[in-house]
Amino acid sequence: MTLADRLNKIIDEQGLTKRAFAKTLGVSENYIYQLTGSKEKLTTISETLAKLIALEFGYDAAWILNGEQAE
């Protein structure tokens, strides 16, 4: 599962639009589209952003970053 897949899963499970997801995180909608689009231009995010997503939405930061669950 790619980063785009994981982010899209979070967005879908939370019932959010990409715009609402971006606004919650304080990033641009364009940035989220670059991360989650079918032709992703960006394939990594910062550990800080992963932790923010984890805090806001209840997902594991390690899973968000690399698809692995923390032990």
Protein backbone atom coordinates (compact mmCIF):
# COMPACT_ATOMS: atom_id res chain seq x y z
CA MET A 1 0.00 0.00 0.00
CA THR A 2 1.45 3.36 -1.02
CA LEU A 3 1.39 6.57 0.96
CA ALA A 4 -1.35 7.79 -1.40
CA ASP A 5 -3.39 4.66 -0.64
CA ARG A 6 -2.98 5.14 3.11
CA LEU A 7 -3.94 8.82 2.99
CA ASN A 8 -6.93 8.10 0.76
CA LYS A 9 -8.01 5.37 3.19
CA ILE A 10 -7.90 7.84 6.09
CA ILE A 11 -9.83 10.45 4.10
CA ASP A 12 -12.47 7.89 3.07
CA GLU A 13 -12.84 6.34 6.53
CA GLN A 14 -13.22 9.78 8.10
CA GLY A 15 -15.83 10.80 5.53
CA LEU A 16 -13.85 13.89 4.56
CA THR A 17 -13.19 15.72 1.36
CA LYS A 18 -9.57 16.32 0.46
CA ARG A 19 -10.24 20.01 1.03
CA ALA A 20 -11.50 19.37 4.59
CA PHE A 21 -8.56 17.02 5.27
CA ALA A 22 -6.10 19.68 4.12
CA LYS A 23 -7.81 22.41 6.15
CA THR A 24 -7.75 20.28 9.31
CA LEU A 25 -4.02 19.73 8.88
CA GLY A 26 -3.24 23.33 7.92
CA VAL A 27 -1.80 22.41 4.53
CA SER A 28 -2.87 23.37 1.04
CA GLU A 29 -5.48 21.40 -0.84
CA ASN A 30 -3.02 21.22 -3.74
CA TYR A 31 -0.45 19.52 -1.48
CA ILE A 32 -3.00 16.84 -0.54
CA TYR A 33 -3.88 16.32 -4.20
CA GLN A 34 -0.18 15.91 -5.02
CA LEU A 35 0.08 13.26 -2.31
CA THR A 36 -3.15 11.39 -3.09
CA GLY A 37 -3.74 11.77 -6.82
CA SER A 38 -3.58 8.97 -9.34
CA LYS A 39 -0.34 10.46 -10.65
CA GLU A 40 1.20 11.29 -7.29
CA LYS A 41 4.02 13.76 -7.58
CA LEU A 42 4.98 13.43 -3.93
CA THR A 43 5.60 10.08 -2.27
CA THR A 44 6.75 11.07 1.21
CA ILE A 45 5.61 13.30 4.03
CA SER A 46 7.43 14.59 7.07
CA GLU A 47 7.34 12.73 10.35
CA THR A 48 5.76 15.86 11.85
CA LEU A 49 2.85 15.74 9.40
CA ALA A 50 2.41 12.00 9.99
CA LYS A 51 2.22 12.65 13.73
CA LEU A 52 -0.32 15.43 13.20
CA ILE A 53 -2.50 13.12 11.08
CA ALA A 54 -2.15 10.46 13.79
CA LEU A 55 -3.16 12.93 16.50
CA GLU A 56 -6.10 14.40 14.58
CA PHE A 57 -7.54 11.17 13.17
CA GLY A 58 -6.33 8.36 15.43
CA TYR A 59 -4.06 6.45 13.05
CA ASP A 60 -0.58 5.18 13.81
CA ALA A 61 2.13 7.58 12.59
CA ALA A 62 4.46 4.72 11.60
CA TRP A 63 1.70 3.17 9.49
CA ILE A 64 1.03 6.52 7.82
CA LEU A 65 4.72 6.99 7.02
CA ASN A 66 5.67 3.52 5.85
CA GLY A 67 2.74 1.14 6.15
CA GLU A 68 4.09 -0.57 9.26
CA GLN A 69 2.35 -0.81 12.59
CA ALA A 70 4.34 0.27 15.64
CA GLU A 71 5.00 -2.49 18.10
